[in-house]
Protein backbone atom coordinates (compact mmCIF):
# COMPACT_ATOMS: atom_id res chain seq x y z
CA UNK A 1 33.25 35.74 -9.93
CA UNK A 2 35.49 33.37 -7.95
CA UNK A 3 32.75 32.82 -5.36
CA UNK A 4 30.26 31.93 -8.08
CA UNK A 5 32.71 29.41 -9.61
CA UNK A 6 33.47 27.94 -6.22
CA UNK A 7 29.77 27.57 -5.47
CA UNK A 8 29.23 25.89 -8.85
CA UNK A 9 32.04 23.41 -8.17
CA UNK A 10 30.67 22.64 -4.70
CA UNK A 11 27.17 22.13 -6.13
CA UNK A 12 28.49 19.78 -8.82
CA UNK A 13 30.55 17.78 -6.30
CA UNK A 14 27.56 17.54 -3.94
CA UNK A 15 25.32 16.33 -6.79
CA UNK A 16 27.86 13.71 -7.90
CA UNK A 17 28.29 12.49 -4.30
CA UNK A 18 24.50 12.26 -3.80
CA UNK A 19 24.04 10.26 -7.01
CA UNK A 20 26.94 7.94 -6.10
CA UNK A 21 25.57 7.34 -2.59
CA UNK A 22 22.06 6.59 -3.90
CA UNK A 23 23.54 4.16 -6.44
CA UNK A 24 25.53 2.36 -3.75
CA UNK A 25 22.43 1.94 -1.57
CA UNK A 26 20.38 0.66 -4.51
CA UNK A 27 23.12 -1.83 -5.42
CA UNK A 28 22.98 -3.34 -1.92
CA UNK A 29 19.26 -4.03 -2.20
CA UNK A 30 18.47 -7.21 -4.08
CA UNK A 31 15.14 -8.64 -5.24
CA UNK A 32 15.34 -11.51 -2.72
CA UNK A 33 16.57 -9.13 -0.02
CA UNK A 34 13.51 -6.98 -0.57
CA UNK A 35 11.32 -10.09 -0.39
CA UNK A 36 12.88 -11.03 2.96
CA UNK A 37 12.38 -7.53 4.36
CA UNK A 38 8.78 -7.43 3.15
CA UNK A 39 8.00 -10.70 4.93
CA UNK A 40 9.72 -9.53 8.12
CA UNK A 41 7.68 -6.32 8.05
CA UNK A 42 4.57 -8.51 8.00
CA UNK A 43 5.80 -10.15 11.22
CA UNK A 44 6.73 -13.44 9.56
CA UNK A 45 9.67 -15.70 10.32
CA UNK A 46 11.71 -16.20 7.15
CA UNK A 47 13.56 -19.31 6.04
CA UNK A 48 16.24 -17.77 3.83
CA UNK A 49 17.54 -20.67 1.75
CA UNK A 50 20.78 -20.31 -0.19
CA UNK A 51 21.41 -23.19 -2.55
CA UNK A 52 24.01 -24.20 -5.07
CA UNK A 53 22.59 -24.10 -8.57
CA UNK A 54 23.61 -27.78 -8.84
CA UNK A 55 22.19 -28.80 -5.46
CA UNK A 56 19.09 -30.93 -5.11
CA UNK A 57 16.70 -28.00 -4.70
CA UNK A 58 13.66 -30.29 -4.61
CA UNK A 59 15.04 -32.01 -1.50
CA UNK A 60 15.74 -28.70 0.25
CA UNK A 61 12.28 -27.38 -0.64
CA UNK A 62 10.75 -30.60 0.70
CA UNK A 63 12.50 -30.34 4.06
CA UNK A 64 11.88 -26.60 4.47
CA UNK A 65 8.32 -26.81 3.12
CA UNK A 66 7.36 -29.59 5.53
CA UNK A 67 8.42 -27.47 8.51
CA UNK A 68 6.92 -24.23 7.16
CA UNK A 69 3.58 -26.05 6.69
CA UNK A 70 3.44 -26.56 10.48
CA UNK A 71 3.53 -22.79 10.96
CA UNK A 72 1.22 -21.75 8.11
CA UNK A 73 0.73 -18.02 8.02
CA UNK A 74 3.71 -17.32 10.30
CA UNK A 75 6.63 -18.56 8.18
CA UNK A 76 7.68 -17.73 4.63
CA UNK A 77 10.52 -19.26 2.60
CA UNK A 78 12.80 -17.36 0.23
CA UNK A 79 15.15 -19.28 -2.08
CA UNK A 80 18.38 -17.81 -3.48
CA UNK A 81 20.14 -19.72 -6.26
CA UNK A 82 23.92 -19.75 -6.40
CA UNK A 83 23.87 -18.75 -10.06
CA UNK A 84 21.77 -15.61 -9.43
CA UNK A 85 24.34 -12.80 -9.71
CA UNK A 86 21.75 -10.21 -8.62
CA UNK A 87 21.94 -11.72 -5.13
CA UNK A 88 25.71 -11.39 -4.59
CA UNK A 89 25.19 -8.57 -2.05
CA UNK A 90 22.68 -10.67 -0.08
CA UNK A 91 25.08 -13.64 -0.08
CA UNK A 92 27.86 -11.34 1.14
CA UNK A 93 25.66 -10.04 3.96
CA UNK A 94 25.10 -13.61 5.16
CA UNK A 95 28.69 -14.64 4.43
CA UNK A 96 27.77 -17.40 2.00
CA UNK A 97 29.31 -18.36 -1.33
CA UNK A 98 27.41 -19.21 -4.54
CA UNK A 99 28.14 -22.93 -4.03
CA UNK A 100 26.96 -22.97 -0.39
CA UNK A 101 23.75 -24.63 0.71
CA UNK A 102 22.44 -23.04 3.90
CA UNK A 103 19.15 -22.10 5.55
CA UNK A 104 18.97 -19.10 7.87
CA UNK A 105 16.01 -18.70 10.18
CA UNK A 106 15.35 -14.98 10.45
CA UNK A 107 13.02 -13.65 13.12
CA UNK A 108 10.64 -10.72 12.51
CA UNK A 109 13.10 -8.51 14.42
CA UNK A 110 15.60 -9.13 11.61
CA UNK A 111 17.91 -11.27 13.74
CA UNK A 112 19.26 -14.47 12.19
CA UNK A 113 18.36 -16.98 14.91
CA UNK A 114 19.84 -20.11 13.35
CA UNK A 115 21.85 -21.38 10.43
CA UNK A 116 21.73 -24.92 9.09
CA UNK A 117 24.10 -26.09 6.38
CA UNK A 118 24.28 -28.92 3.87
CA UNK A 119 23.26 -32.31 5.24
CA UNK A 120 22.03 -30.69 8.47
CA UNK A 121 19.06 -29.21 6.58
CA UNK A 122 16.51 -31.77 7.74
CA UNK A 123 12.93 -31.50 8.97
CA UNK A 124 13.88 -32.41 12.52
CA UNK A 125 16.81 -29.95 12.68
CA UNK A 126 14.73 -27.17 11.15
CA UNK A 127 11.84 -27.83 13.53
CA UNK A 128 14.16 -27.84 16.53
CA UNK A 129 15.78 -24.57 15.39
CA UNK A 130 12.43 -22.85 14.82
CA UNK A 131 10.97 -23.89 18.16
CA UNK A 132 14.10 -22.88 20.10
CA UNK A 133 14.33 -19.60 18.15
CA UNK A 134 10.74 -18.75 18.99
CA UNK A 135 11.22 -19.19 22.71
CA UNK A 136 9.59 -22.59 22.83
CA UNK A 137 6.18 -21.04 22.22
CA UNK A 138 6.14 -21.92 18.56
CA UNK A 139 5.62 -19.48 15.74
CA UNK A 140 2.25 -17.83 15.57
CA UNK A 141 1.06 -19.55 18.72
CA UNK A 142 -0.03 -16.39 20.45
CA UNK A 143 2.05 -17.47 23.43
CA UNK A 144 4.86 -15.00 22.89
CA UNK A 145 6.51 -16.98 20.10
CA UNK A 146 7.45 -15.64 16.71
CA UNK A 147 4.70 -14.17 14.64
CA UNK A 148 2.32 -13.78 17.58
């Protein structure tokens, strides 16, 4: 009788632990995080753009978009708004705050190759970071660069 009760308690504790662990893993996955991972799995370089909800998003999209257009088919941009509470875990992973404006260049390997912040998010700085991150071969060039 005692063995049966002990086994029941162990089973219940194991079930509770398994449910808690699954919940913790699910909580760490965010919609934008999944989007980043999906693009990386396709072999794309990702511009992960964190922006303050009050920031000039149009300006950031213009700078990032102009560079991404040079690497069409090899680069994808993902934008994370500071007021999107669902993305708190992703911000924590990249050590950014909701009011930060930063662009991370993430290689298909998952490595963050560069980070540009605030006023440094310009076409020329982004282009320089992408080219140096991709080994000088350029993304999607077939010459050993990113996305090739």
